[in-house]
């Protein structure tokens, strides 16, 4: 298996694990504050809300929350990451039949990803790290837009699909900015080292 496929598999597995951990934490938090069946109802409500999001991580959390409301039965996987291509084909056909997509919706999703990661990486964000984060989101969007386990509607799935090339374009632009910025700094460092006795 090529290393790029291994990297994609690690990104997908990590996102699923992260969603499960977040849902488990949500259950613990809700049960500590609201005993009884209220926790299940709130988890299911949040799951339904996240199912409307065009973000693969939100879709995964939606599934994990729904699974968590059923108390995480260990024999039932939260997401079947290795679904058959035949399961994706009818979804692909339905989504592609929707026709053109609003560019503004796709741009809003890409901007949201960039803002979310830039905020997490702090104000002095390194362009190369931000580019890596956007590329990881593109991997998830591309893998899950037509995955049968996610709850998103066909229009949500279309937004997910359309965000993939935009995320990659933005990641490439940020990566290029990092290379342009890095070159003069590296030259300056090598020059200043030569000047040191």
N, C-alpha and C. Protein backbone atom coordinates (compact mmCIF):
# COMPACT_ATOMS: atom_id res chain seq x y z
N UNK A 1 0.84 -1.19 0.00
CA UNK A 1 0.00 0.00 0.00
C UNK A 1 0.88 1.24 0.00
N UNK A 2 0.65 2.20 -0.89
CA UNK A 2 1.47 3.41 -0.94
C UNK A 2 1.36 4.21 0.36
N UNK A 3 2.43 4.96 0.66
CA UNK A 3 2.44 5.71 1.90
C UNK A 3 1.33 6.74 1.97
N UNK A 4 0.94 7.34 0.81
CA UNK A 4 -0.14 8.33 0.82
C UNK A 4 -1.45 7.68 1.26
N UNK A 5 -1.68 6.43 0.86
CA UNK A 5 -2.87 5.72 1.30
C UNK A 5 -2.81 5.42 2.80
N UNK A 6 -1.63 5.09 3.29
CA UNK A 6 -1.47 4.85 4.73
C UNK A 6 -1.77 6.13 5.51
N UNK A 7 -1.29 7.25 4.99
CA UNK A 7 -1.54 8.53 5.65
C UNK A 7 -3.03 8.83 5.67
N UNK A 8 -3.72 8.61 4.54
CA UNK A 8 -5.16 8.84 4.49
C UNK A 8 -5.89 7.94 5.46
N UNK A 9 -5.47 6.69 5.54
CA UNK A 9 -6.09 5.75 6.48
C UNK A 9 -5.91 6.22 7.91
N UNK A 10 -4.71 6.72 8.23
CA UNK A 10 -4.46 7.22 9.59
C UNK A 10 -5.32 8.44 9.89
N UNK A 11 -5.47 9.33 8.92
CA UNK A 11 -6.31 10.52 9.11
C UNK A 11 -7.76 10.11 9.35
N UNK A 12 -8.26 9.18 8.56
CA UNK A 12 -9.65 8.72 8.70
C UNK A 12 -9.85 8.02 10.04
N UNK A 13 -8.94 7.11 10.39
CA UNK A 13 -9.06 6.39 11.67
C UNK A 13 -8.98 7.35 12.85
N UNK A 14 -8.09 8.33 12.76
CA UNK A 14 -7.96 9.30 13.86
C UNK A 14 -9.23 10.12 14.01
N UNK A 15 -9.85 10.51 12.90
CA UNK A 15 -11.09 11.30 12.97
C UNK A 15 -12.23 10.48 13.59
N UNK A 16 -12.30 9.21 13.24
CA UNK A 16 -13.33 8.34 13.83
C UNK A 16 -13.10 8.18 15.33
N UNK A 17 -11.85 7.94 15.71
CA UNK A 17 -11.51 7.79 17.13
C UNK A 17 -11.82 9.07 17.90
N UNK A 18 -11.49 10.20 17.30
CA UNK A 18 -11.76 11.51 17.93
C UNK A 18 -13.26 11.71 18.13
N UNK A 19 -14.07 11.33 17.16
CA UNK A 19 -15.53 11.47 17.27
C UNK A 19 -16.07 10.59 18.37
N UNK A 20 -15.57 9.36 18.46
CA UNK A 20 -16.03 8.44 19.51
C UNK A 20 -15.67 8.98 20.89
N UNK A 21 -14.43 9.48 21.03
CA UNK A 21 -13.99 10.04 22.31
C UNK A 21 -14.84 11.25 22.69
N UNK A 22 -15.15 12.11 21.71
CA UNK A 22 -15.97 13.30 21.99
C UNK A 22 -17.38 12.90 22.41
N UNK A 23 -17.93 11.88 21.77
CA UNK A 23 -19.28 11.42 22.13
C UNK A 23 -19.29 10.78 23.52
N UNK A 24 -18.24 10.03 23.83
CA UNK A 24 -18.15 9.43 25.17
C UNK A 24 -18.05 10.53 26.24
N UNK A 25 -17.25 11.54 25.96
CA UNK A 25 -17.13 12.66 26.89
C UNK A 25 -18.48 13.37 27.04
N UNK A 26 -19.18 13.55 25.94
CA UNK A 26 -20.50 14.19 25.97
C UNK A 26 -21.44 13.42 26.88
N UNK A 27 -21.44 12.08 26.77
CA UNK A 27 -22.29 11.26 27.62
C UNK A 27 -21.94 11.45 29.10
N UNK A 28 -20.64 11.38 29.41
CA UNK A 28 -20.20 11.55 30.81
C UNK A 28 -20.63 12.91 31.34
N UNK A 29 -20.41 13.94 30.54
CA UNK A 29 -20.76 15.30 30.94
C UNK A 29 -22.26 15.45 31.17
N UNK A 30 -23.06 14.96 30.24
CA UNK A 30 -24.52 15.07 30.38
C UNK A 30 -25.05 14.26 31.55
N UNK A 31 -24.53 13.07 31.74
CA UNK A 31 -25.01 12.23 32.84
C UNK A 31 -24.65 12.82 34.19
N UNK A 32 -23.53 13.53 34.26
CA UNK A 32 -23.15 14.14 35.53
C UNK A 32 -24.02 15.35 35.86
N UNK A 33 -24.53 16.00 34.81
CA UNK A 33 -25.36 17.19 35.04
C UNK A 33 -26.85 16.91 34.97
N UNK A 34 -27.25 15.89 34.20
CA UNK A 34 -28.67 15.60 33.99
C UNK A 34 -28.89 14.09 34.06
N UNK A 35 -29.11 13.57 35.25
CA UNK A 35 -29.31 12.12 35.37
C UNK A 35 -30.61 11.67 34.70
N UNK A 36 -30.66 10.38 34.40
CA UNK A 36 -31.86 9.82 33.77
C UNK A 36 -31.70 9.72 32.27
N UNK A 37 -32.82 9.64 31.58
CA UNK A 37 -32.81 9.47 30.12
C UNK A 37 -32.59 10.78 29.37
N UNK A 38 -32.49 11.88 30.07
CA UNK A 38 -32.30 13.18 29.42
C UNK A 38 -31.03 13.20 28.59
N UNK A 39 -29.98 12.55 29.08
CA UNK A 39 -28.70 12.54 28.35
C UNK A 39 -28.88 11.92 26.97
N UNK A 40 -29.60 10.80 26.91
CA UNK A 40 -29.83 10.15 25.61
C UNK A 40 -30.59 11.07 24.66
N UNK A 41 -31.61 11.73 25.17
CA UNK A 41 -32.41 12.62 24.33
C UNK A 41 -31.58 13.78 23.81
N UNK A 42 -30.75 14.36 24.68
CA UNK A 42 -29.91 15.48 24.27
C UNK A 42 -28.85 15.04 23.26
N UNK A 43 -28.30 13.86 23.46
CA UNK A 43 -27.31 13.35 22.51
C UNK A 43 -27.94 13.11 21.14
N UNK A 44 -29.14 12.58 21.12
CA UNK A 44 -29.83 12.33 19.86
C UNK A 44 -30.19 13.65 19.17
N UNK A 45 -30.56 14.65 19.96
CA UNK A 45 -30.89 15.96 19.38
C UNK A 45 -29.65 16.60 18.76
N UNK A 46 -28.53 16.53 19.47
CA UNK A 46 -27.29 17.09 18.93
C UNK A 46 -26.85 16.31 17.70
N UNK A 47 -27.05 14.99 17.72
CA UNK A 47 -26.71 14.15 16.57
C UNK A 47 -27.50 14.59 15.33
N UNK A 48 -28.80 14.84 15.53
CA UNK A 48 -29.64 15.26 14.40
C UNK A 48 -29.19 16.62 13.86
N UNK A 49 -28.78 17.51 14.76
CA UNK A 49 -28.31 18.83 14.34
C UNK A 49 -27.01 18.73 13.54
N UNK A 50 -26.09 17.91 14.02
CA UNK A 50 -24.80 17.75 13.33
C UNK A 50 -24.95 17.04 11.98
N UNK A 51 -26.00 16.26 11.83
CA UNK A 51 -26.23 15.56 10.55
C UNK A 51 -26.52 16.54 9.42
N UNK A 52 -26.82 17.78 9.75
CA UNK A 52 -27.08 18.80 8.72
C UNK A 52 -25.82 19.57 8.33
N UNK A 53 -24.70 19.24 8.97
CA UNK A 53 -23.45 19.96 8.72
C UNK A 53 -22.70 19.38 7.52
N UNK A 54 -22.11 20.24 6.67
CA UNK A 54 -21.32 19.76 5.54
C UNK A 54 -19.86 19.48 5.91
N UNK A 55 -19.62 19.18 7.17
CA UNK A 55 -18.27 18.93 7.68
C UNK A 55 -18.17 17.46 8.06
N UNK A 56 -17.21 16.75 7.49
CA UNK A 56 -17.09 15.31 7.74
C UNK A 56 -16.92 15.01 9.22
N UNK A 57 -16.15 15.81 9.93
CA UNK A 57 -15.95 15.57 11.37
C UNK A 57 -17.28 15.70 12.13
N UNK A 58 -18.11 16.65 11.73
CA UNK A 58 -19.43 16.79 12.37
C UNK A 58 -20.31 15.59 12.06
N UNK A 59 -20.23 15.10 10.84
CA UNK A 59 -21.00 13.91 10.46
C UNK A 59 -20.57 12.71 11.29
N UNK A 60 -19.27 12.56 11.50
CA UNK A 60 -18.76 11.46 12.32
C UNK A 60 -19.21 11.60 13.77
N UNK A 61 -19.19 12.82 14.28
CA UNK A 61 -19.66 13.04 15.65
C UNK A 61 -21.15 12.76 15.76
N UNK A 62 -21.90 13.09 14.73
CA UNK A 62 -23.33 12.80 14.71
C UNK A 62 -23.57 11.29 14.86
N UNK A 63 -22.83 10.50 14.11
CA UNK A 63 -22.97 9.04 14.20
C UNK A 63 -22.56 8.55 15.58
N UNK A 64 -21.44 9.07 16.08
CA UNK A 64 -20.95 8.64 17.38
C UNK A 64 -21.91 9.01 18.51
N UNK A 65 -22.52 10.18 18.42
CA UNK A 65 -23.49 10.58 19.44
C UNK A 65 -24.72 9.68 19.41
N UNK A 66 -25.19 9.37 18.21
CA UNK A 66 -26.34 8.46 18.11
C UNK A 66 -25.98 7.09 18.68
N UNK A 67 -24.79 6.63 18.34
CA UNK A 67 -24.31 5.35 18.87
C UNK A 67 -24.15 5.45 20.38
N UNK A 68 -23.66 6.60 20.86
CA UNK A 68 -23.47 6.81 22.29
C UNK A 68 -24.77 6.83 23.07
N UNK A 69 -25.83 7.29 22.44
CA UNK A 69 -27.14 7.27 23.10
C UNK A 69 -27.61 5.84 23.30
N UNK A 70 -27.01 4.92 22.54
CA UNK A 70 -27.32 3.49 22.70
C UNK A 70 -26.24 2.81 23.55
N UNK A 71 -25.45 3.60 24.25
CA UNK A 71 -24.47 3.14 25.23
C UNK A 71 -23.28 2.38 24.65
N UNK A 72 -22.86 2.72 23.43
CA UNK A 72 -21.62 2.23 22.85
C UNK A 72 -21.47 0.71 22.96
N UNK A 73 -22.36 -0.01 22.36
CA UNK A 73 -22.25 -1.46 22.35
C UNK A 73 -20.94 -1.84 21.65
N UNK A 74 -20.05 -2.57 22.33
CA UNK A 74 -18.71 -2.80 21.78
C UNK A 74 -18.68 -3.65 20.51
N UNK A 75 -19.71 -4.46 20.27
CA UNK A 75 -19.71 -5.32 19.09
C UNK A 75 -20.23 -4.62 17.84
N UNK A 76 -20.69 -3.40 17.99
CA UNK A 76 -21.24 -2.66 16.85
C UNK A 76 -20.32 -1.49 16.53
N UNK A 77 -19.60 -1.52 15.39
CA UNK A 77 -18.70 -0.40 15.08
C UNK A 77 -19.48 0.88 14.83
N UNK A 78 -18.92 1.99 15.24
CA UNK A 78 -19.58 3.28 15.06
C UNK A 78 -19.68 3.62 13.58
N UNK A 79 -18.57 3.46 12.86
CA UNK A 79 -18.53 3.74 11.42
C UNK A 79 -17.77 2.61 10.75
N UNK A 80 -18.32 2.10 9.68
CA UNK A 80 -17.62 1.09 8.89
C UNK A 80 -16.75 1.82 7.88
N UNK A 81 -15.50 2.06 8.25
CA UNK A 81 -14.61 2.84 7.38
C UNK A 81 -14.36 2.16 6.04
N UNK A 82 -14.41 0.86 6.01
CA UNK A 82 -14.11 0.11 4.78
C UNK A 82 -15.38 -0.35 4.08
N UNK A 83 -16.26 0.57 3.76
CA UNK A 83 -17.49 0.17 3.07
C UNK A 83 -17.17 -0.20 1.62
N UNK A 84 -18.03 -0.99 1.04
CA UNK A 84 -17.83 -1.46 -0.34
C UNK A 84 -18.09 -0.33 -1.34
N UNK A 85 -17.35 -0.28 -2.45
CA UNK A 85 -17.60 0.74 -3.47
C UNK A 85 -19.04 0.71 -3.99
N UNK A 86 -19.62 -0.49 -4.06
CA UNK A 86 -21.00 -0.61 -4.53
C UNK A 86 -22.00 0.11 -3.65
N UNK A 87 -21.66 0.27 -2.36
CA UNK A 87 -22.55 1.00 -1.45
C UNK A 87 -22.50 2.50 -1.71
N UNK A 88 -21.42 2.97 -2.28
CA UNK A 88 -21.26 4.40 -2.54
C UNK A 88 -21.90 4.81 -3.88
N UNK A 89 -21.98 3.90 -4.81
CA UNK A 89 -22.42 4.25 -6.17
C UNK A 89 -23.80 4.89 -6.24
N UNK A 90 -24.83 4.34 -5.57
CA UNK A 90 -26.14 5.01 -5.67
C UNK A 90 -26.13 6.41 -5.05
N UNK A 91 -25.36 6.58 -3.99
CA UNK A 91 -25.25 7.90 -3.35
C UNK A 91 -24.57 8.87 -4.31
N UNK A 92 -23.49 8.42 -4.93
CA UNK A 92 -22.77 9.26 -5.89
C UNK A 92 -23.69 9.70 -7.02
N UNK A 93 -24.46 8.76 -7.56
CA UNK A 93 -25.37 9.09 -8.67
C UNK A 93 -26.41 10.11 -8.24
N UNK A 94 -26.98 9.94 -7.06
CA UNK A 94 -28.01 10.87 -6.56
C UNK A 94 -27.44 12.27 -6.37
N UNK A 95 -26.26 12.33 -5.75
CA UNK A 95 -25.66 13.63 -5.43
C UNK A 95 -25.25 14.36 -6.71
N UNK A 96 -24.63 13.65 -7.64
CA UNK A 96 -24.19 14.29 -8.88
C UNK A 96 -25.37 14.71 -9.75
N UNK A 97 -26.52 14.07 -9.55
CA UNK A 97 -27.71 14.45 -10.32
C UNK A 97 -28.32 15.76 -9.83
N UNK A 98 -27.87 16.26 -8.69
CA UNK A 98 -28.41 17.52 -8.16
C UNK A 98 -28.03 18.71 -9.02
N UNK A 99 -26.94 18.58 -9.77
CA UNK A 99 -26.55 19.69 -10.64
C UNK A 99 -25.62 20.66 -9.97
N UNK A 100 -25.58 21.91 -10.48
CA UNK A 100 -24.63 22.91 -9.97
C UNK A 100 -24.85 23.22 -8.49
N UNK A 101 -23.77 23.63 -7.88
CA UNK A 101 -23.78 23.95 -6.45
C UNK A 101 -23.40 25.41 -6.27
N UNK A 102 -23.96 26.05 -5.24
CA UNK A 102 -23.63 27.46 -4.98
C UNK A 102 -22.19 27.58 -4.49
N UNK A 103 -21.43 28.36 -5.20
CA UNK A 103 -20.03 28.57 -4.85
C UNK A 103 -19.93 29.22 -3.47
N UNK A 104 -20.86 30.10 -3.14
CA UNK A 104 -20.80 30.80 -1.85
C UNK A 104 -20.88 29.82 -0.69
N UNK A 105 -21.68 28.75 -0.83
CA UNK A 105 -21.77 27.76 0.25
C UNK A 105 -20.45 27.03 0.42
N UNK A 106 -19.84 26.67 -0.68
CA UNK A 106 -18.55 25.97 -0.62
C UNK A 106 -17.48 26.89 -0.03
N UNK A 107 -17.45 28.14 -0.49
CA UNK A 107 -16.47 29.09 0.04
C UNK A 107 -16.65 29.31 1.54
N UNK A 108 -17.90 29.33 2.00
CA UNK A 108 -18.17 29.51 3.43
C UNK A 108 -17.64 28.33 4.24
N UNK A 109 -17.77 27.12 3.70
CA UNK A 109 -17.26 25.93 4.40
C UNK A 109 -15.74 25.98 4.47
N UNK A 110 -15.08 26.33 3.37
CA UNK A 110 -13.62 26.41 3.35
C UNK A 110 -13.13 27.49 4.32
N UNK A 111 -13.80 28.65 4.33
CA UNK A 111 -13.43 29.73 5.25
C UNK A 111 -13.62 29.29 6.70
N UNK A 112 -14.69 28.55 6.97
CA UNK A 112 -14.93 28.05 8.32
C UNK A 112 -13.81 27.11 8.76
N UNK A 113 -13.40 26.20 7.87
CA UNK A 113 -12.28 25.30 8.19
C UNK A 113 -11.03 26.10 8.51
N UNK A 114 -10.73 27.07 7.66
CA UNK A 114 -9.51 27.86 7.87
C UNK A 114 -9.57 28.64 9.18
N UNK A 115 -10.71 29.25 9.47
CA UNK A 115 -10.86 30.00 10.73
C UNK A 115 -10.73 29.08 11.94
N UNK A 116 -11.36 27.91 11.84
CA UNK A 116 -11.34 26.96 12.96
C UNK A 116 -9.90 26.53 13.26
N UNK A 117 -9.17 26.17 12.23
CA UNK A 117 -7.79 25.70 12.46
C UNK A 117 -6.85 26.84 12.81
N UNK A 118 -7.03 27.99 12.19
CA UNK A 118 -6.17 29.14 12.53
C UNK A 118 -6.37 29.52 14.00
N UNK A 119 -7.62 29.49 14.47
CA UNK A 119 -7.89 29.79 15.88
C UNK A 119 -7.26 28.77 16.80
N UNK A 120 -7.30 27.52 16.40
CA UNK A 120 -6.73 26.45 17.22
C UNK A 120 -5.20 26.53 17.23
N UNK A 121 -4.62 26.92 16.12
CA UNK A 121 -3.17 26.99 16.02
C UNK A 121 -2.60 28.28 16.60
N UNK A 122 -3.45 29.21 16.99
CA UNK A 122 -3.13 30.50 17.62
C UNK A 122 -2.95 31.58 16.58
N UNK A 123 -2.77 32.79 17.08
CA UNK A 123 -2.67 33.96 16.20
C UNK A 123 -1.45 33.90 15.30
N UNK A 124 -0.34 33.42 15.83
CA UNK A 124 0.90 33.36 15.04
C UNK A 124 0.95 32.05 14.25
N UNK A 125 -0.08 31.82 13.47
CA UNK A 125 -0.22 30.55 12.78
C UNK A 125 0.86 30.38 11.71
N UNK A 126 1.41 29.20 11.66
CA UNK A 126 2.36 28.87 10.60
C UNK A 126 1.56 28.39 9.41
N UNK A 127 1.86 28.97 8.24
CA UNK A 127 1.12 28.63 7.04
C UNK A 127 1.23 27.15 6.68
N UNK A 128 2.41 26.56 6.95
CA UNK A 128 2.57 25.15 6.60
C UNK A 128 1.69 24.25 7.45
N UNK A 129 1.53 24.58 8.74
CA UNK A 129 0.65 23.79 9.61
C UNK A 129 -0.80 23.96 9.21
N UNK A 130 -1.19 25.17 8.89
CA UNK A 130 -2.57 25.43 8.46
C UNK A 130 -2.86 24.70 7.15
N UNK A 131 -1.90 24.71 6.24
CA UNK A 131 -2.07 23.99 4.97
C UNK A 131 -2.25 22.50 5.22
N UNK A 132 -1.47 21.93 6.14
CA UNK A 132 -1.61 20.51 6.48
C UNK A 132 -2.99 20.21 7.05
N UNK A 133 -3.48 21.10 7.90
CA UNK A 133 -4.82 20.90 8.49
C UNK A 133 -5.90 20.92 7.41
N UNK A 134 -5.79 21.84 6.48
CA UNK A 134 -6.79 21.92 5.40
C UNK A 134 -6.71 20.70 4.49
N UNK A 135 -5.51 20.20 4.26
CA UNK A 135 -5.36 18.98 3.45
C UNK A 135 -5.99 17.79 4.16
N UNK A 136 -5.84 17.71 5.47
CA UNK A 136 -6.47 16.62 6.23
C UNK A 136 -7.99 16.71 6.15
N UNK A 137 -8.52 17.93 6.23
CA UNK A 137 -9.98 18.10 6.10
C UNK A 137 -10.43 17.68 4.70
N UNK A 138 -9.63 17.99 3.68
CA UNK A 138 -9.97 17.59 2.31
C UNK A 138 -10.03 16.06 2.20
N UNK A 139 -9.10 15.37 2.85
CA UNK A 139 -9.10 13.91 2.85
C UNK A 139 -10.40 13.39 3.45
N UNK A 140 -10.80 13.95 4.57
CA UNK A 140 -12.03 13.50 5.24
C UNK A 140 -13.27 13.82 4.41
N UNK A 141 -13.32 15.03 3.87
CA UNK A 141 -14.47 15.42 3.05
C UNK A 141 -14.60 14.48 1.84
N UNK A 142 -13.45 14.20 1.21
CA UNK A 142 -13.44 13.36 0.01
C UNK A 142 -13.86 11.93 0.35
N UNK A 143 -13.42 11.44 1.49
CA UNK A 143 -13.72 10.05 1.84
C UNK A 143 -15.17 9.86 2.28
N UNK A 144 -15.72 10.84 2.99
CA UNK A 144 -17.03 10.63 3.60
C UNK A 144 -18.22 11.23 2.84
N UNK A 145 -18.00 12.04 1.80
CA UNK A 145 -19.14 12.70 1.15
C UNK A 145 -20.15 11.69 0.60
N UNK A 146 -19.69 10.54 0.16
CA UNK A 146 -20.63 9.54 -0.37
C UNK A 146 -20.61 8.25 0.46
N UNK A 147 -20.19 8.37 1.70
CA UNK A 147 -20.15 7.20 2.59
C UNK A 147 -21.56 6.89 3.07
N UNK A 148 -21.97 5.63 3.02
CA UNK A 148 -23.35 5.30 3.38
C UNK A 148 -23.69 5.50 4.85
N UNK A 149 -22.71 5.53 5.73
CA UNK A 149 -23.00 5.65 7.17
C UNK A 149 -23.36 7.07 7.60
N UNK A 150 -22.89 8.07 6.86
CA UNK A 150 -23.18 9.43 7.33
C UNK A 150 -24.65 9.77 7.10
N UNK A 151 -25.15 10.71 7.91
CA UNK A 151 -26.59 11.03 7.91
C UNK A 151 -26.95 12.22 7.02
N UNK A 152 -25.97 12.88 6.42
CA UNK A 152 -26.22 14.10 5.66
C UNK A 152 -27.12 13.89 4.46
N UNK A 153 -27.90 14.91 4.17
CA UNK A 153 -28.76 14.89 2.99
C UNK A 153 -27.89 14.96 1.74
N UNK A 154 -28.51 14.75 0.58
CA UNK A 154 -27.76 14.82 -0.67
C UNK A 154 -27.18 16.21 -0.90
N UNK A 155 -27.88 17.26 -0.53
CA UNK A 155 -27.34 18.61 -0.72
C UNK A 155 -26.15 18.86 0.21
N UNK A 156 -26.20 18.31 1.43
CA UNK A 156 -25.07 18.41 2.35
C UNK A 156 -23.88 17.66 1.77
N UNK A 157 -24.14 16.49 1.22
CA UNK A 157 -23.07 15.70 0.61
C UNK A 157 -22.45 16.44 -0.58
N UNK A 158 -23.27 17.12 -1.35
CA UNK A 158 -22.76 17.88 -2.49
C UNK A 158 -21.83 19.00 -2.02
N UNK A 159 -22.20 19.68 -0.95
CA UNK A 159 -21.33 20.72 -0.40
C UNK A 159 -20.01 20.11 0.05
N UNK A 160 -20.08 18.94 0.68
CA UNK A 160 -18.86 18.26 1.10
C UNK A 160 -17.97 17.96 -0.10
N UNK A 161 -18.56 17.42 -1.15
CA UNK A 161 -17.80 17.08 -2.36
C UNK A 161 -17.17 18.33 -2.98
N UNK A 162 -17.96 19.39 -3.11
CA UNK A 162 -17.46 20.61 -3.75
C UNK A 162 -16.37 21.29 -2.93
N UNK A 163 -16.33 21.03 -1.63
CA UNK A 163 -15.31 21.66 -0.78
C UNK A 163 -13.93 21.04 -0.98
N UNK A 164 -13.88 19.82 -1.49
CA UNK A 164 -12.59 19.11 -1.60
C UNK A 164 -11.58 19.87 -2.47
N UNK A 165 -11.90 20.20 -3.73
CA UNK A 165 -10.89 20.92 -4.52
C UNK A 165 -10.58 22.31 -3.97
N UNK A 166 -11.57 22.97 -3.38
CA UNK A 166 -11.33 24.31 -2.80
C UNK A 166 -10.37 24.22 -1.61
N UNK A 167 -10.57 23.20 -0.76
CA UNK A 167 -9.67 23.02 0.38
C UNK A 167 -8.24 22.74 -0.09
N UNK A 168 -8.12 21.93 -1.13
CA UNK A 168 -6.79 21.60 -1.64
C UNK A 168 -6.14 22.82 -2.29
N UNK A 169 -6.93 23.62 -3.00
CA UNK A 169 -6.39 24.85 -3.59
C UNK A 169 -5.90 25.80 -2.51
N UNK A 170 -6.69 25.95 -1.46
CA UNK A 170 -6.31 26.85 -0.37
C UNK A 170 -5.08 26.32 0.37
N UNK A 171 -5.03 25.00 0.58
CA UNK A 171 -3.86 24.41 1.23
C UNK A 171 -2.61 24.64 0.39
N UNK A 172 -2.74 24.51 -0.92
CA UNK A 172 -1.59 24.74 -1.81
C UNK A 172 -1.16 26.20 -1.77
N UNK A 173 -2.14 27.11 -1.75
CA UNK A 173 -1.80 28.54 -1.68
C UNK A 173 -1.07 28.86 -0.38
N UNK A 174 -1.52 28.30 0.73
CA UNK A 174 -0.86 28.54 2.01
C UNK A 174 0.52 27.90 2.04
N UNK A 175 0.62 26.72 1.46
CA UNK A 175 1.91 26.03 1.41
C UNK A 175 2.91 26.82 0.57
N UNK A 176 2.44 27.39 -0.55
CA UNK A 176 3.31 28.22 -1.39
C UNK A 176 3.75 29.46 -0.64
N UNK A 177 2.83 30.06 0.12
CA UNK A 177 3.18 31.25 0.93
C UNK A 177 4.25 30.91 1.94
N UNK A 178 4.14 29.72 2.53
CA UNK A 178 5.13 29.29 3.52
C UNK A 178 6.50 29.12 2.87
N UNK A 179 6.52 28.55 1.65
CA UNK A 179 7.79 28.36 0.96
C UNK A 179 8.42 29.70 0.58
N UNK A 180 7.60 30.63 0.11
CA UNK A 180 8.09 31.96 -0.28
C UNK A 180 8.65 32.69 0.94
N UNK A 181 7.97 32.56 2.08
CA UNK A 181 8.41 33.22 3.31
C UNK A 181 9.68 32.57 3.85
N UNK A 182 9.76 31.24 3.74
CA UNK A 182 10.86 30.50 4.33
C UNK A 182 12.19 30.74 3.62
N UNK A 183 12.17 30.91 2.30
CA UNK A 183 13.40 31.03 1.52
C UNK A 183 14.26 32.23 1.96
N UNK A 184 13.70 33.46 2.06
CA UNK A 184 14.55 34.57 2.51
C UNK A 184 15.06 34.38 3.94
N UNK A 185 14.25 33.78 4.80
CA UNK A 185 14.68 33.56 6.18
C UNK A 185 15.84 32.58 6.22
N UNK A 186 15.74 31.49 5.44
CA UNK A 186 16.83 30.52 5.40
C UNK A 186 18.10 31.13 4.83
N UNK A 187 17.95 31.98 3.79
CA UNK A 187 19.14 32.67 3.24
C UNK A 187 19.77 33.57 4.29
N UNK A 188 18.93 34.31 5.01
CA UNK A 188 19.44 35.21 6.03
C UNK A 188 20.16 34.43 7.13
N UNK A 189 19.58 33.28 7.54
CA UNK A 189 20.22 32.47 8.57
C UNK A 189 21.55 31.93 8.11
N UNK A 190 21.62 31.44 6.85
CA UNK A 190 22.88 30.89 6.36
C UNK A 190 23.93 32.01 6.23
N UNK A 191 23.49 33.21 5.81
CA UNK A 191 24.42 34.33 5.70
C UNK A 191 24.94 34.75 7.07
N UNK A 192 24.05 34.83 8.06
CA UNK A 192 24.47 35.26 9.39
C UNK A 192 25.37 34.22 10.04
N UNK A 193 25.17 32.93 9.73
CA UNK A 193 26.05 31.90 10.29
C UNK A 193 27.45 32.00 9.71
N UNK A 194 27.53 32.39 8.41
CA UNK A 194 28.84 32.54 7.78
C UNK A 194 29.62 33.71 8.39
N UNK A 195 28.87 34.71 8.85
CA UNK A 195 29.51 35.88 9.44
C UNK A 195 29.99 35.64 10.86
N UNK A 196 29.56 34.52 11.47
CA UNK A 196 29.97 34.24 12.86
C UNK A 196 31.34 33.61 12.86
N UNK A 197 32.30 34.11 13.68
CA UNK A 197 33.66 33.53 13.69
C UNK A 197 33.68 32.15 14.31
